[in-house]
Amino acid sequence: MKKILVPTDFSDQAENALKVAAKLAKRFNSEIHLVHMLELPLELIDPVQGHASRNLPEAIFFMKLAHQRFLKLLQRPFLQDITVYENVHFNSVSKGILEFSKNIECDLIVMGSYGASGFQEMLIGSNTEKIVRSSKIPVLVIKEGGSEFNVEDFVLATDAEPANQHSLQKASEFAKLLGAKLHLLYVNTPNVFKTSKQIKEQLKVFTEGLEDINPKIHIYNDVSIERGIMNFAEEIDAGLIGISTHGRKGIAHFFNGSISEDLVNNAKRPVVTFML
């Protein structure tokens, strides 16, 4: 893990994410790329070049203001001895972050969240969904007050579809990086009920050929998949929940359309997403 991208609006939630990124950076000798997106009014956009003109007084003012806030942020003690790059770009939040993450070839995006009330100030509503939905890079979402990020147990929720097997590989690699125990979780619900025998057979096929990963497998019954994931994670006091997303369908369609975005918005624990 060489490059960690942290989008910031300079809020407390964004700083929580930065604290976690700093811990990871110190552990893996990574560099942090802080990025702040300036969404200027349309009349400040240069129609020829397709980006905001940096010569305009308004653009210069907002750029200077952002750099002043970066200067204060970079003085935080938890960033000591870490290589941190500050970046300010004129672009929409979601598009700008996705483009920047691709350009610098980062290994992980770390973002802040308000927790139970969902994503509000950091990346409002659709921006967050667009980033998680479209990012080919894992996205780690840090909840309010979750800057400790001590992960001993990592829960990966799965639908056990063979086509999604590589999500287990990605999660396993991430668990090894963190030194965490990987728990593979299948939630059984009344609406799509399966017998234990059926689920075990499906999980056997799903993990076939991946014997070196060897996750601890769990079957959990609950009223919904979202509730089952959160309840199970609470029972084992998991430090992290992992889920997969379908780029074409968005965060509201995990596992071929069955899980709502409530999991990411309402789970009190950090959540990491992997694109299928």
C-alpha atoms as a PDB file:
ATOM      1  CA  MET A   1       0.000   0.000   0.000  1.00  0.00           C
ATOM      2  CA  LYS A   2       2.029   2.928  -1.309  1.00  0.00           C
ATOM      3  CA  LYS A   3      -0.516   5.689  -1.930  1.00  0.00           C
ATOM      4  CA  ILE A   4      -3.574   6.539   0.160  1.00  0.00           C
ATOM      5  CA  LEU A   5      -6.065   9.119  -1.085  1.00  0.00           C
ATOM      6  CA  VAL A   6      -8.069  11.126   1.454  1.00  0.00           C
ATOM      7  CA  PRO A   7     -10.722  13.518   0.100  1.00  0.00           C
ATOM      8  CA  THR A   8     -11.344  16.373   2.523  1.00  0.00           C
ATOM      9  CA  ASP A   9     -13.758  19.215   3.094  1.00  0.00           C
ATOM     10  CA  PHE A  10     -11.870  20.024   6.329  1.00  0.00           C
ATOM     11  CA  SER A  11     -14.723  18.729   8.497  1.00  0.00           C
ATOM     12  CA  ASP A  12     -14.271  16.678  11.679  1.00  0.00           C
ATOM     13  CA  GLN A  13     -15.414  13.574   9.805  1.00  0.00           C
ATOM     14  CA  ALA A  14     -12.816  14.115   7.097  1.00  0.00           C
ATOM     15  CA  GLU A  15     -10.185  14.486   9.821  1.00  0.00           C
ATOM     16  CA  ASN A  16     -11.299  11.161  11.337  1.00  0.00           C
ATOM     17  CA  ALA A  17     -10.597   9.563   7.973  1.00  0.00           C
ATOM     18  CA  LEU A  18      -7.223  11.292   7.805  1.00  0.00           C
ATOM     19  CA  LYS A  19      -6.276   9.939  11.240  1.00  0.00           C
ATOM     20  CA  VAL A  20      -6.971   6.395  10.042  1.00  0.00           C
ATOM     21  CA  ALA A  21      -5.065   7.031   6.821  1.00  0.00           C
ATOM     22  CA  ALA A  22      -2.132   8.304   8.921  1.00  0.00           C
ATOM     23  CA  LYS A  23      -2.091   5.095  10.967  1.00  0.00           C
ATOM     24  CA  LEU A  24      -2.072   3.014   7.810  1.00  0.00           C
ATOM     25  CA  ALA A  25       0.604   5.222   6.252  1.00  0.00           C
ATOM     26  CA  LYS A  26       2.913   4.793   9.251  1.00  0.00           C
ATOM     27  CA  ARG A  27       2.321   1.058   9.282  1.00  0.00           C
ATOM     28  CA  PHE A  28       3.005   0.530   5.585  1.00  0.00           C
ATOM     29  CA  ASN A  29       5.336   3.464   4.916  1.00  0.00           C
ATOM     30  CA  SER A  30       2.744   4.954   2.565  1.00  0.00           C
ATOM     31  CA  GLU A  31       2.306   8.488   1.330  1.00  0.00           C
ATOM     32  CA  ILE A  32      -0.984  10.368   1.761  1.00  0.00           C
ATOM     33  CA  HIS A  33      -2.571  12.442  -0.970  1.00  0.00           C
ATOM     34  CA  LEU A  34      -5.063  14.930   0.443  1.00  0.00           C
ATOM     35  CA  VAL A  35      -7.446  16.343  -2.126  1.00  0.00           C
ATOM     36  CA  HIS A  36     -10.014  19.118  -1.900  1.00  0.00           C
ATOM     37  CA  MET A  37     -12.407  19.725  -4.780  1.00  0.00           C
ATOM     38  CA  LEU A  38     -13.586  23.238  -5.566  1.00  0.00           C
ATOM     39  CA  GLU A  39     -16.960  23.218  -7.289  1.00  0.00           C
ATOM     40  CA  LEU A  40     -17.201  26.724  -8.683  1.00  0.00           C
ATOM     41  CA  PRO A  41     -20.303  28.237 -10.344  1.00  0.00           C
ATOM     42  CA  LEU A  42     -20.759  27.488 -14.016  1.00  0.00           C
ATOM     43  CA  GLU A  43     -19.972  31.068 -15.018  1.00  0.00           C
ATOM     44  CA  LEU A  44     -16.440  30.540 -13.715  1.00  0.00           C
ATOM     45  CA  ILE A  45     -15.858  27.552 -15.977  1.00  0.00           C
ATOM     46  CA  ASP A  46     -13.760  28.108 -19.084  1.00  0.00           C
ATOM     47  CA  PRO A  47     -15.826  26.586 -21.958  1.00  0.00           C
ATOM     48  CA  VAL A  48     -12.734  26.168 -24.144  1.00  0.00           C
ATOM     49  CA  GLN A  49     -10.441  24.433 -21.664  1.00  0.00           C
ATOM     50  CA  GLY A  50     -13.259  22.711 -19.788  1.00  0.00           C
ATOM     51  CA  HIS A  51     -12.031  23.661 -16.307  1.00  0.00           C
ATOM     52  CA  ALA A  52     -12.173  26.623 -13.967  1.00  0.00           C
ATOM     53  CA  SER A  53      -9.964  29.522 -14.947  1.00  0.00           C
ATOM     54  CA  ARG A  54      -7.266  30.009 -12.317  1.00  0.00           C
ATOM     55  CA  ASN A  55      -6.812  33.637 -13.405  1.00  0.00           C
ATOM     56  CA  LEU A  56     -10.189  34.741 -12.135  1.00  0.00           C
ATOM     57  CA  PRO A  57     -10.175  36.573  -8.779  1.00  0.00           C
ATOM     58  CA  GLU A  58     -12.854  34.272  -7.409  1.00  0.00           C
ATOM     59  CA  ALA A  59     -10.896  31.157  -8.315  1.00  0.00           C
ATOM     60  CA  ILE A  60      -7.712  32.582  -6.814  1.00  0.00           C
ATOM     61  CA  PHE A  61      -9.523  33.476  -3.591  1.00  0.00           C
ATOM     62  CA  PHE A  62     -10.940  29.978  -3.097  1.00  0.00           C
ATOM     63  CA  MET A  63      -7.614  28.389  -3.985  1.00  0.00           C
ATOM     64  CA  LYS A  64      -5.765  30.507  -1.394  1.00  0.00           C
ATOM     65  CA  LEU A  65      -8.409  29.752   1.223  1.00  0.00           C
ATOM     66  CA  ALA A  66      -8.055  26.014   0.635  1.00  0.00           C
ATOM     67  CA  HIS A  67      -4.267  26.178   0.947  1.00  0.00           C
ATOM     68  CA  GLN A  68      -4.583  28.112   4.213  1.00  0.00           C
ATOM     69  CA  ARG A  69      -6.795  25.352   5.606  1.00  0.00           C
ATOM     70  CA  PHE A  70      -4.338  22.740   4.367  1.00  0.00           C
ATOM     71  CA  LEU A  71      -1.532  24.562   6.165  1.00  0.00           C
ATOM     72  CA  LYS A  72      -3.371  24.249   9.494  1.00  0.00           C
ATOM     73  CA  LEU A  73      -4.309  20.626   8.823  1.00  0.00           C
ATOM     74  CA  LEU A  74      -0.753  19.581   7.979  1.00  0.00           C
ATOM     75  CA  GLN A  75       0.399  20.801  11.386  1.00  0.00           C
ATOM     76  CA  ARG A  76      -1.588  18.062  13.151  1.00  0.00           C
ATOM     77  CA  PRO A  77       0.726  15.905  15.330  1.00  0.00           C
ATOM     78  CA  PHE A  78      -0.641  12.643  13.915  1.00  0.00           C
ATOM     79  CA  LEU A  79       0.782  13.548  10.486  1.00  0.00           C
ATOM     80  CA  GLN A  80       4.328  13.869  11.798  1.00  0.00           C
ATOM     81  CA  ASP A  81       6.933  11.890   9.820  1.00  0.00           C
ATOM     82  CA  ILE A  82       4.422  11.087   7.023  1.00  0.00           C
ATOM     83  CA  THR A  83       4.813  12.295   3.449  1.00  0.00           C
ATOM     84  CA  VAL A  84       1.622  14.235   2.699  1.00  0.00           C
ATOM     85  CA  TYR A  85       0.766  15.925  -0.581  1.00  0.00           C
ATOM     86  CA  GLU A  86      -1.939  18.576  -0.728  1.00  0.00           C
ATOM     87  CA  ASN A  87      -4.053  18.938  -3.852  1.00  0.00           C
ATOM     88  CA  VAL A  88      -6.769  21.394  -4.802  1.00  0.00           C
ATOM     89  CA  HIS A  89      -8.679  20.845  -8.020  1.00  0.00           C
ATOM     90  CA  PHE A  90     -11.524  22.582  -9.806  1.00  0.00           C
ATOM     91  CA  ASN A  91     -14.010  19.815 -10.507  1.00  0.00           C
ATOM     92  CA  SER A  92     -17.182  18.186  -9.252  1.00  0.00           C
ATOM     93  CA  VAL A  93     -16.575  16.170  -6.091  1.00  0.00           C
ATOM     94  CA  SER A  94     -17.272  12.657  -7.328  1.00  0.00           C
ATOM     95  CA  LYS A  95     -15.824  13.068 -10.810  1.00  0.00           C
ATOM     96  CA  GLY A  96     -12.760  14.882  -9.530  1.00  0.00           C
ATOM     97  CA  ILE A  97     -11.955  12.323  -6.848  1.00  0.00           C
ATOM     98  CA  LEU A  98     -12.388   9.377  -9.208  1.00  0.00           C
ATOM     99  CA  GLU A  99     -10.193  10.996 -11.860  1.00  0.00           C
ATOM    100  CA  PHE A 100      -7.534  11.981  -9.347  1.00  0.00           C
ATOM    101  CA  SER A 101      -7.435   8.518  -7.752  1.00  0.00           C
ATOM    102  CA  LYS A 102      -6.859   7.037 -11.189  1.00  0.00           C
ATOM    103  CA  ASN A 103      -4.206   9.583 -12.162  1.00  0.00           C
ATOM    104  CA  ILE A 104      -2.054   9.013  -9.091  1.00  0.00           C
ATOM    105  CA  GLU A 105      -2.730   5.240  -9.092  1.00  0.00           C
ATOM    106  CA  CYS A 106      -3.620   5.155  -5.411  1.00  0.00           C
ATOM    107  CA  ASP A 107      -4.154   1.880  -3.567  1.00  0.00           C
ATOM    108  CA  LEU A 108      -6.927   2.956  -1.197  1.00  0.00           C
ATOM    109  CA  ILE A 109      -9.436   5.787  -0.764  1.00  0.00           C
ATOM    110  CA  VAL A 110     -10.288   6.697   2.842  1.00  0.00           C
ATOM    111  CA  MET A 111     -13.379   8.837   3.432  1.00  0.00           C
ATOM    112  CA  GLY A 112     -15.215  10.166   6.474  1.00  0.00           C
ATOM    113  CA  SER A 113     -18.876   9.683   7.380  1.00  0.00           C
ATOM    114  CA  TYR A 114     -21.317  10.840  10.034  1.00  0.00           C
ATOM    115  CA  GLY A 115     -22.327   7.241  10.809  1.00  0.00           C
ATOM    116  CA  ALA A 116     -25.970   6.521  11.565  1.00  0.00           C
ATOM    117  CA  SER A 117     -27.179   9.719   9.897  1.00  0.00           C
ATOM    118  CA  GLY A 118     -25.407   8.810   6.677  1.00  0.00           C
ATOM    119  CA  PHE A 119     -23.016  10.762   4.505  1.00  0.00           C
ATOM    120  CA  GLN A 120     -23.885  14.430   4.896  1.00  0.00           C
ATOM    121  CA  GLU A 121     -21.186  17.075   4.777  1.00  0.00           C
ATOM    122  CA  MET A 122     -18.136  15.248   3.482  1.00  0.00           C
ATOM    123  CA  LEU A 123     -19.551  13.969   0.213  1.00  0.00           C
ATOM    124  CA  ILE A 124     -23.217  14.759   0.051  1.00  0.00           C
ATOM    125  CA  GLY A 125     -25.624  11.981  -0.963  1.00  0.00           C
ATOM    126  CA  SER A 126     -25.150  11.108  -4.582  1.00  0.00           C
ATOM    127  CA  ASN A 127     -21.456  12.075  -4.540  1.00  0.00           C
ATOM    128  CA  THR A 128     -20.658   9.354  -2.045  1.00  0.00           C
ATOM    129  CA  GLU A 129     -22.696   6.804  -3.936  1.00  0.00           C
ATOM    130  CA  LYS A 130     -20.977   7.684  -7.194  1.00  0.00           C
ATOM    131  CA  ILE A 131     -17.517   7.274  -5.677  1.00  0.00           C
ATOM    132  CA  VAL A 132     -18.256   3.931  -4.013  1.00  0.00           C
ATOM    133  CA  ARG A 133     -20.160   2.699  -7.063  1.00  0.00           C
ATOM    134  CA  SER A 134     -17.571   3.701  -9.621  1.00  0.00           C
ATOM    135  CA  SER A 135     -14.247   3.346  -7.812  1.00  0.00           C
ATOM    136  CA  LYS A 136     -12.195   0.384  -8.933  1.00  0.00           C
ATOM    137  CA  ILE A 137     -10.018   1.055  -5.911  1.00  0.00           C
ATOM    138  CA  PRO A 138     -11.159  -0.137  -2.455  1.00  0.00           C
ATOM    139  CA  VAL A 139     -12.964   2.584  -0.510  1.00  0.00           C
ATOM    140  CA  LEU A 140     -12.673   2.625   3.283  1.00  0.00           C
ATOM    141  CA  VAL A 141     -15.469   4.557   5.002  1.00  0.00           C
ATOM    142  CA  ILE A 142     -14.698   5.750   8.532  1.00  0.00           C
ATOM    143  CA  LYS A 143     -17.589   6.458  10.860  1.00  0.00           C
ATOM    144  CA  GLU A 144     -17.915   9.325  13.308  1.00  0.00           C
ATOM    145  CA  GLY A 145     -15.521   8.808  16.196  1.00  0.00           C
ATOM    146  CA  GLY A 146     -13.965   5.756  14.543  1.00  0.00           C
ATOM    147  CA  SER A 147     -10.449   7.039  14.160  1.00  0.00           C
ATOM    148  CA  GLU A 148      -8.928   4.310  16.366  1.00  0.00           C
ATOM    149  CA  PHE A 149      -9.314   1.658  13.648  1.00  0.00           C
ATOM    150  CA  ASN A 150      -8.010  -1.382  15.477  1.00  0.00           C
ATOM    151  CA  VAL A 151      -9.115  -4.317  13.335  1.00  0.00           C
ATOM    152  CA  GLU A 152      -8.732  -7.809  14.738  1.00  0.00           C
ATOM    153  CA  ASP A 153     -11.834  -9.291  13.078  1.00  0.00           C
ATOM    154  CA  PHE A 154     -12.921  -8.407   9.533  1.00  0.00           C
ATOM    155  CA  VAL A 155     -16.365  -9.507   8.318  1.00  0.00           C
ATOM    156  CA  LEU A 156     -16.893  -9.966   4.572  1.00  0.00           C
ATOM    157  CA  ALA A 157     -20.564 -10.297   3.688  1.00  0.00           C
ATOM    158  CA  THR A 158     -21.186 -12.480   0.637  1.00  0.00           C
ATOM    159  CA  ASP A 159     -23.961 -13.792  -1.570  1.00  0.00           C
ATOM    160  CA  ALA A 160     -21.682 -16.770  -2.361  1.00  0.00           C
ATOM    161  CA  GLU A 161     -22.186 -16.412  -6.105  1.00  0.00           C
ATOM    162  CA  PRO A 162     -19.208 -17.997  -7.921  1.00  0.00           C
ATOM    163  CA  ALA A 163     -18.949 -14.999 -10.257  1.00  0.00           C
ATOM    164  CA  ASN A 164     -18.163 -12.823  -7.239  1.00  0.00           C
ATOM    165  CA  GLN A 165     -15.388 -15.029  -5.913  1.00  0.00           C
ATOM    166  CA  HIS A 166     -12.662 -12.466  -6.544  1.00  0.00           C
ATOM    167  CA  SER A 167     -14.237 -10.241  -3.857  1.00  0.00           C
ATOM    168  CA  LEU A 168     -13.070 -12.877  -1.369  1.00  0.00           C
ATOM    169  CA  GLN A 169      -9.567 -12.675  -2.809  1.00  0.00           C
ATOM    170  CA  LYS A 170      -9.531  -8.882  -2.467  1.00  0.00           C
ATOM    171  CA  ALA A 171     -10.859  -9.046   1.087  1.00  0.00           C
ATOM    172  CA  SER A 172      -8.321 -11.700   2.009  1.00  0.00           C
ATOM    173  CA  GLU A 173      -5.461  -9.509   0.770  1.00  0.00           C
ATOM    174  CA  PHE A 174      -6.835  -6.577   2.751  1.00  0.00           C
ATOM    175  CA  ALA A 175      -7.232  -8.707   5.889  1.00  0.00           C
ATOM    176  CA  LYS A 176      -3.619  -9.890   5.593  1.00  0.00           C
ATOM    177  CA  LEU A 177      -2.427  -6.300   5.296  1.00  0.00           C
ATOM    178  CA  LEU A 178      -4.257  -5.426   8.500  1.00  0.00           C
ATOM    179  CA  GLY A 179      -3.277  -8.625  10.271  1.00  0.00           C
ATOM    180  CA  ALA A 180      -6.964  -9.351  10.858  1.00  0.00           C
ATOM    181  CA  LYS A 181      -8.968 -12.589  11.023  1.00  0.00           C
ATOM    182  CA  LEU A 182     -11.289 -12.852   8.022  1.00  0.00           C
ATOM    183  CA  HIS A 183     -14.887 -13.947   8.639  1.00  0.00           C
ATOM    184  CA  LEU A 184     -16.977 -14.910   5.590  1.00  0.00           C
ATOM    185  CA  LEU A 185     -20.637 -14.217   6.361  1.00  0.00           C
ATOM    186  CA  TYR A 186     -23.771 -15.451   4.605  1.00  0.00           C
ATOM    187  CA  VAL A 187     -27.017 -13.952   5.930  1.00  0.00           C
ATOM    188  CA  ASN A 188     -30.107 -16.131   5.543  1.00  0.00           C
ATOM    189  CA  THR A 189     -33.418 -14.239   5.446  1.00  0.00           C
ATOM    190  CA  PRO A 190     -37.114 -15.249   5.415  1.00  0.00           C
ATOM    191  CA  ASN A 191     -37.642 -13.680   1.990  1.00  0.00           C
ATOM    192  CA  VAL A 192     -34.913 -15.742   0.339  1.00  0.00           C
ATOM    193  CA  PHE A 193     -34.742 -18.667   2.732  1.00  0.00           C
ATOM    194  CA  LYS A 194     -32.335 -21.521   2.142  1.00  0.00           C
ATOM    195  CA  THR A 195     -31.624 -24.567   4.251  1.00  0.00           C
ATOM    196  CA  SER A 196     -28.299 -24.827   6.060  1.00  0.00           C
ATOM    197  CA  LYS A 197     -27.379 -27.692   3.742  1.00  0.00           C
ATOM    198  CA  GLN A 198     -28.038 -25.568   0.650  1.00  0.00           C
ATOM    199  CA  ILE A 199     -25.995 -22.657   1.987  1.00  0.00           C
ATOM    200  CA  LYS A 200     -23.075 -24.873   2.994  1.00  0.00           C
ATOM    201  CA  GLU A 201     -23.022 -26.412  -0.487  1.00  0.00           C
ATOM    202  CA  GLN A 202     -23.087 -22.949  -2.053  1.00  0.00           C
ATOM    203  CA  LEU A 203     -20.279 -21.696   0.188  1.00  0.00           C
ATOM    204  CA  LYS A 204     -18.237 -24.800  -0.612  1.00  0.00           C
ATOM    205  CA  VAL A 205     -18.459 -24.016  -4.326  1.00  0.00           C
ATOM    206  CA  PHE A 206     -17.792 -20.323  -3.664  1.00  0.00           C
ATOM    207  CA  THR A 207     -14.541 -21.002  -1.788  1.00  0.00           C
ATOM    208  CA  GLU A 208     -13.381 -23.770  -4.111  1.00  0.00           C
ATOM    209  CA  GLY A 209      -9.788 -23.294  -5.211  1.00  0.00           C
ATOM    210  CA  LEU A 210      -9.147 -20.699  -2.507  1.00  0.00           C
ATOM    211  CA  GLU A 211      -8.073 -23.063   0.254  1.00  0.00           C
ATOM    212  CA  ASP A 212      -5.066 -20.870   1.057  1.00  0.00           C
ATOM    213  CA  ILE A 213      -7.405 -18.084   2.182  1.00  0.00           C
ATOM    214  CA  ASN A 214      -9.206 -20.216   4.774  1.00  0.00           C
ATOM    215  CA  PRO A 215     -11.702 -17.702   6.231  1.00  0.00           C
ATOM    216  CA  LYS A 216     -13.923 -18.582   9.173  1.00  0.00           C
ATOM    217  CA  ILE A 217     -17.361 -19.238   7.653  1.00  0.00           C
ATOM    218  CA  HIS A 218     -20.619 -18.153   9.304  1.00  0.00           C
ATOM    219  CA  ILE A 219     -24.295 -18.587   8.443  1.00  0.00           C
ATOM    220  CA  TYR A 220     -26.494 -16.050  10.227  1.00  0.00           C
ATOM    221  CA  ASN A 221     -30.292 -15.805  10.266  1.00  0.00           C
ATOM    222  CA  ASP A 222     -31.985 -12.408  10.405  1.00  0.00           C
ATOM    223  CA  VAL A 223     -34.911 -10.403   9.060  1.00  0.00           C
ATOM    224  CA  SER A 224     -32.802  -8.675   6.401  1.00  0.00           C
ATOM    225  CA  ILE A 225     -29.295  -8.932   5.000  1.00  0.00           C
ATOM    226  CA  GLU A 226     -28.359  -5.448   6.220  1.00  0.00           C
ATOM    227  CA  ARG A 227     -29.589  -6.160   9.742  1.00  0.00           C
ATOM    228  CA  GLY A 228     -27.884  -9.541   9.774  1.00  0.00           C
ATOM    229  CA  ILE A 229     -24.523  -8.078   8.799  1.00  0.00           C
ATOM    230  CA  MET A 230     -24.707  -5.363  11.445  1.00  0.00           C
ATOM    231  CA  ASN A 231     -25.933  -7.720  14.182  1.00  0.00           C
ATOM    232  CA  PHE A 232     -23.299 -10.337  13.431  1.00  0.00           C
ATOM    233  CA  ALA A 233     -20.548  -7.712  13.338  1.00  0.00           C
ATOM    234  CA  GLU A 234     -21.726  -6.459  16.715  1.00  0.00           C
ATOM    235  CA  GLU A 235     -21.795  -9.972  18.194  1.00  0.00           C
ATOM    236  CA  ILE A 236     -18.146 -10.645  17.377  1.00  0.00           C
ATOM    237  CA  ASP A 237     -17.173  -6.987  17.851  1.00  0.00           C
ATOM    238  CA  ALA A 238     -15.744  -6.799  14.332  1.00  0.00           C
ATOM    239  CA  GLY A 239     -13.473  -3.862  13.590  1.00  0.00           C
ATOM    240  CA  LEU A 240     -14.399  -3.751   9.906  1.00  0.00           C
ATOM    241  CA  ILE A 241     -17.200  -4.794   7.539  1.00  0.00           C
ATOM    242  CA  GLY A 242     -16.472  -5.575   3.896  1.00  0.00           C
ATOM    243  CA  ILE A 243     -19.023  -5.528   1.082  1.00  0.00           C
ATOM    244  CA  SER A 244     -18.932  -5.689  -2.705  1.00  0.00           C
ATOM    245  CA  THR A 245     -20.519  -3.277  -5.145  1.00  0.00           C
ATOM    246  CA  HIS A 246     -21.666  -3.529  -8.750  1.00  0.00           C
ATOM    247  CA  GLY A 247     -20.421  -0.543 -10.708  1.00  0.00           C
ATOM    248  CA  ARG A 248     -23.366  -0.563 -13.080  1.00  0.00           C
ATOM    249  CA  LYS A 249     -25.958  -0.736 -10.335  1.00  0.00           C
ATOM    250  CA  GLY A 250     -24.600   1.386  -7.551  1.00  0.00           C
ATOM    251  CA  ILE A 251     -24.334   1.127  -3.835  1.00  0.00           C
ATOM    252  CA  ALA A 252     -28.058   0.397  -3.468  1.00  0.00           C
ATOM    253  CA  HIS A 253     -27.566  -2.907  -5.305  1.00  0.00           C
ATOM    254  CA  PHE A 254     -25.109  -5.072  -3.470  1.00  0.00           C
ATOM    255  CA  PHE A 255     -25.272  -8.775  -4.190  1.00  0.00           C
ATOM    256  CA  ASN A 256     -27.122  -8.450  -7.477  1.00  0.00           C
ATOM    257  CA  GLY A 257     -29.561  -5.861  -6.184  1.00  0.00           C
ATOM    258  CA  SER A 258     -30.531  -7.161  -2.771  1.00  0.00           C
ATOM    259  CA  ILE A 259     -28.922  -4.836  -0.232  1.00  0.00           C
ATOM    260  CA  SER A 260     -29.724  -1.163   0.226  1.00  0.00           C
ATOM    261  CA  GLU A 261     -27.284   1.623   0.973  1.00  0.00           C
ATOM    262  CA  ASP A 262     -28.555   1.546   4.578  1.00  0.00           C
ATOM    263  CA  LEU A 263     -25.670  -0.752   5.469  1.00  0.00           C
ATOM    264  CA  VAL A 264     -23.026   1.828   4.623  1.00  0.00           C
ATOM    265  CA  ASN A 265     -25.063   4.700   6.035  1.00  0.00           C
ATOM    266  CA  ASN A 266     -26.188   3.013   9.252  1.00  0.00           C
ATOM    267  CA  ALA A 267     -23.437   0.597  10.237  1.00  0.00           C
ATOM    268  CA  LYS A 268     -21.569   2.080  13.180  1.00  0.00           C
ATOM    269  CA  ARG A 269     -18.378   0.301  12.196  1.00  0.00           C
ATOM    270  CA  PRO A 270     -15.936   1.114   9.390  1.00  0.00           C
ATOM    271  CA  VAL A 271     -16.938  -0.301   6.021  1.00  0.00           C
ATOM    272  CA  VAL A 272     -14.672  -1.134   3.086  1.00  0.00           C
ATOM    273  CA  THR A 273     -16.091  -1.690  -0.393  1.00  0.00           C
ATOM    274  CA  PHE A 274     -14.663  -3.708  -3.281  1.00  0.00           C
ATOM    275  CA  MET A 275     -15.968  -3.432  -6.818  1.00  0.00           C
ATOM    276  CA  LEU A 276     -17.027  -6.744  -8.349  1.00  0.00           C
END
